C-alpha atoms as a PDB file:
ATOM      1  CA  VAL A   1     -23.432  15.444  13.642  1.00  0.00           C
ATOM      2  CA  PHE A   2     -23.081  13.405  10.476  1.00  0.00           C
ATOM      3  CA  PRO A   3     -22.480  16.591   7.846  1.00  0.00           C
ATOM      4  CA  HIS A   4     -19.942  18.220  10.338  1.00  0.00           C
ATOM      5  CA  LEU A   5     -17.793  14.750  10.977  1.00  0.00           C
ATOM      6  CA  LEU A   6     -17.766  13.810   7.224  1.00  0.00           C
ATOM      7  CA  GLY A   7     -16.519  17.627   6.209  1.00  0.00           C
ATOM      8  CA  LYS A   8     -13.970  17.005   8.805  1.00  0.00           C
ATOM      9  CA  HIS A   9     -13.123  13.645   7.049  1.00  0.00           C
ATOM     10  CA  PHE A  10     -13.446  15.113   3.251  1.00  0.00           C
ATOM     11  CA  PHE A  11     -10.792  17.821   4.356  1.00  0.00           C
ATOM     12  CA  GLN A  12      -8.376  15.291   5.907  1.00  0.00           C
ATOM     13  CA  LEU A  13      -8.342  12.984   3.211  1.00  0.00           C
ATOM     14  CA  LEU A  14      -8.250  15.476   0.500  1.00  0.00           C
ATOM     15  CA  SER A  15      -5.647  17.540   2.287  1.00  0.00           C
ATOM     16  CA  ASN A  16      -3.477  14.302   2.258  1.00  0.00           C
ATOM     17  CA  ALA A  17      -4.448  13.554  -1.290  1.00  0.00           C
ATOM     18  CA  LEU A  18      -2.623  16.996  -2.367  1.00  0.00           C
ATOM     19  CA  LYS A  19       0.053  16.617   0.642  1.00  0.00           C
ATOM     20  CA  TYR A  20       1.323  13.288  -0.605  1.00  0.00           C
ATOM     21  CA  ARG A  21       0.794  14.087  -4.561  1.00  0.00           C
ATOM     22  CA  SER A  22       3.851  12.588  -7.249  1.00  0.00           C
ATOM     23  CA  PRO A  23       6.593  15.353  -7.930  1.00  0.00           C
ATOM     24  CA  HIS A  24       6.086  13.565 -11.409  1.00  0.00           C
ATOM     25  CA  GLN A  25       2.844  14.679 -12.941  1.00  0.00           C
ATOM     26  CA  PRO A  26      -0.111  16.821 -12.101  1.00  0.00           C
ATOM     27  CA  PRO A  27      -2.368  15.904  -9.212  1.00  0.00           C
ATOM     28  CA  LEU A  28      -5.566  14.070 -10.193  1.00  0.00           C
ATOM     29  CA  ILE A  29      -8.217  13.582  -7.233  1.00  0.00           C
ATOM     30  CA  GLN A  30     -11.247  11.968  -7.385  1.00  0.00           C
ATOM     31  CA  LEU A  31     -14.417  12.404  -4.997  1.00  0.00           C
ATOM     32  CA  ARG A  32     -17.222   9.472  -5.409  1.00  0.00           C
ATOM     33  CA  THR A  33     -20.155   9.099  -3.172  1.00  0.00           C
ATOM     34  CA  SER A  34     -22.946   6.603  -3.592  1.00  0.00           C
ATOM     35  CA  GLN A  35     -25.641   4.873  -1.481  1.00  0.00           C
ATOM     36  CA  LYS A  36     -26.381   1.204  -1.384  1.00  0.00           C
ATOM     37  CA  GLY A  37     -29.563   0.280   1.175  1.00  0.00           C
ATOM     38  CA  SER A  38     -28.905   1.958   4.093  1.00  0.00           C
ATOM     39  CA  MET A  39     -25.081   2.953   3.562  1.00  0.00           C
ATOM     40  CA  LEU A  40     -23.688   5.950   2.584  1.00  0.00           C
ATOM     41  CA  TYR A  41     -20.269   5.616   0.905  1.00  0.00           C
ATOM     42  CA  PHE A  42     -17.868   8.398  -0.060  1.00  0.00           C
ATOM     43  CA  SER A  43     -14.355   8.087  -1.452  1.00  0.00           C
ATOM     44  CA  ILE A  44     -11.415  10.001  -2.355  1.00  0.00           C
ATOM     45  CA  SER A  45      -8.811   8.447  -5.020  1.00  0.00           C
ATOM     46  CA  ASP A  46      -5.568  10.293  -5.979  1.00  0.00           C
ATOM     47  CA  ASN A  47      -2.589   9.702  -8.135  1.00  0.00           C
ATOM     48  CA  GLY A  48       0.257  10.240  -5.694  1.00  0.00           C
ATOM     49  CA  LEU A  49       2.663   8.383  -3.835  1.00  0.00           C
ATOM     50  CA  GLY A  50       0.921   5.354  -2.637  1.00  0.00           C
ATOM     51  CA  ILE A  51       1.231   3.540   0.438  1.00  0.00           C
ATOM     52  CA  ASP A  52       3.289  -0.118   0.494  1.00  0.00           C
ATOM     53  CA  LEU A  53       0.198  -2.104   1.928  1.00  0.00           C
ATOM     54  CA  ALA A  54       2.048  -5.303   1.932  1.00  0.00           C
ATOM     55  CA  GLN A  55       4.273  -3.697   4.623  1.00  0.00           C
ATOM     56  CA  HIS A  56       2.117  -0.803   6.440  1.00  0.00           C
ATOM     57  CA  GLN A  57      -1.540  -2.496   6.045  1.00  0.00           C
ATOM     58  CA  ASP A  58      -1.986  -2.964   9.894  1.00  0.00           C
ATOM     59  CA  LYS A  59      -0.508   0.096  10.525  1.00  0.00           C
ATOM     60  CA  ILE A  60      -2.413   2.580   8.297  1.00  0.00           C
ATOM     61  CA  PHE A  61      -4.794   3.802  10.718  1.00  0.00           C
ATOM     62  CA  GLY A  62      -2.343   3.730  13.617  1.00  0.00           C
ATOM     63  CA  LEU A  63      -1.699   6.820  16.012  1.00  0.00           C
ATOM     64  CA  TYR A  64       1.363   8.774  14.778  1.00  0.00           C
ATOM     65  CA  LYS A  65       1.715   6.367  11.703  1.00  0.00           C
ATOM     66  CA  ARG A  66       3.428   8.143   8.921  1.00  0.00           C
ATOM     67  CA  PHE A  67       4.657   6.313   5.957  1.00  0.00           C
ATOM     68  CA  HIS A  68       6.605   9.135   3.912  1.00  0.00           C
ATOM     69  CA  PRO A  69       8.792  10.962   6.499  1.00  0.00           C
ATOM     70  CA  HIS A  70      10.159  13.657   3.872  1.00  0.00           C
ATOM     71  CA  ILE A  71       6.820  15.122   3.956  1.00  0.00           C
ATOM     72  CA  GLU A  72       5.942  17.056   7.285  1.00  0.00           C
ATOM     73  CA  GLY A  73       3.081  15.928   9.378  1.00  0.00           C
ATOM     74  CA  LYS A  74       2.361  14.143  12.898  1.00  0.00           C
ATOM     75  CA  GLY A  75       0.227  11.045  11.954  1.00  0.00           C
ATOM     76  CA  LEU A  76      -2.766  11.872  13.566  1.00  0.00           C
ATOM     77  CA  GLY A  77      -5.259  12.554  10.503  1.00  0.00           C
ATOM     78  CA  LEU A  78      -6.150   9.094   9.372  1.00  0.00           C
ATOM     79  CA  HIS A  79      -6.111   7.613  12.922  1.00  0.00           C
ATOM     80  CA  LEU A  80      -9.035  10.226  13.643  1.00  0.00           C
ATOM     81  CA  VAL A  81     -10.629   9.581  10.492  1.00  0.00           C
ATOM     82  CA  LYS A  82     -10.905   5.892  11.739  1.00  0.00           C
ATOM     83  CA  LEU A  83     -12.178   6.783  15.396  1.00  0.00           C
ATOM     84  CA  GLN A  84     -14.793   9.274  14.178  1.00  0.00           C
ATOM     85  CA  THR A  85     -16.022   6.786  11.379  1.00  0.00           C
ATOM     86  CA  GLU A  86     -16.310   4.114  13.849  1.00  0.00           C
ATOM     87  CA  ALA A  87     -18.248   6.198  16.322  1.00  0.00           C
ATOM     88  CA  MET A  88     -20.569   6.824  13.798  1.00  0.00           C
ATOM     89  CA  GLN A  89     -20.612   2.939  13.273  1.00  0.00           C
ATOM     90  CA  GLY A  90     -18.673   3.384  10.142  1.00  0.00           C
ATOM     91  CA  GLU A  91     -16.069   1.626   8.258  1.00  0.00           C
ATOM     92  CA  VAL A  92     -12.816   3.189   6.720  1.00  0.00           C
ATOM     93  CA  TRP A  93     -10.466   1.322   4.349  1.00  0.00           C
ATOM     94  CA  VAL A  94      -7.606   1.850   1.848  1.00  0.00           C
ATOM     95  CA  GLU A  95      -6.444   0.709  -1.362  1.00  0.00           C
ATOM     96  CA  SER A  96      -3.372   2.135  -2.457  1.00  0.00           C
ATOM     97  CA  VAL A  97      -0.200   1.262  -4.874  1.00  0.00           C
ATOM     98  CA  GLU A  98       3.052   2.395  -4.106  1.00  0.00           C
ATOM     99  CA  GLY A  99       3.916   5.254  -6.817  1.00  0.00           C
ATOM    100  CA  ARG A 100       0.525   5.097  -8.264  1.00  0.00           C
ATOM    101  CA  GLY A 101      -2.065   6.424  -5.927  1.00  0.00           C
ATOM    102  CA  THR A 102      -4.575   5.782  -3.233  1.00  0.00           C
ATOM    103  CA  THR A 103      -8.221   5.109  -2.358  1.00  0.00           C
ATOM    104  CA  PHE A 104      -9.639   5.820   0.914  1.00  0.00           C
ATOM    105  CA  THR A 105     -13.465   4.799   1.499  1.00  0.00           C
ATOM    106  CA  ILE A 106     -15.867   5.640   4.088  1.00  0.00           C
ATOM    107  CA  SER A 107     -19.335   3.933   4.984  1.00  0.00           C
ATOM    108  CA  ILE A 108     -21.661   4.893   7.350  1.00  0.00           C
ATOM    109  CA  PRO A 109     -25.448   4.194   8.148  1.00  0.00           C
ATOM    110  CA  VAL A 110     -27.814   6.806   6.765  1.00  0.00           C
END
């Protein structure tokens, strides 16, 4: 179950990193994994459009929430990542600066 769901998470976050890339610079995407004790951490960082967290922090993982209306999407992906991560007793969080990029981190017990 873990590899299959993490693969879906990876695909969703990677696809978002490409979809929300900055039109002013080539995309740069960094993947990181680590393990601390019984927790596995997985993160994807990009240098894309970013999200204004001061305005949207509490809506990031909401159903049908979108923050860049000029880019096609339905607002389902991050919501599903959160639900599936929590179903595995994990957590997901975001760090972002509008215009500079975003990092999503997932932690799950191993």
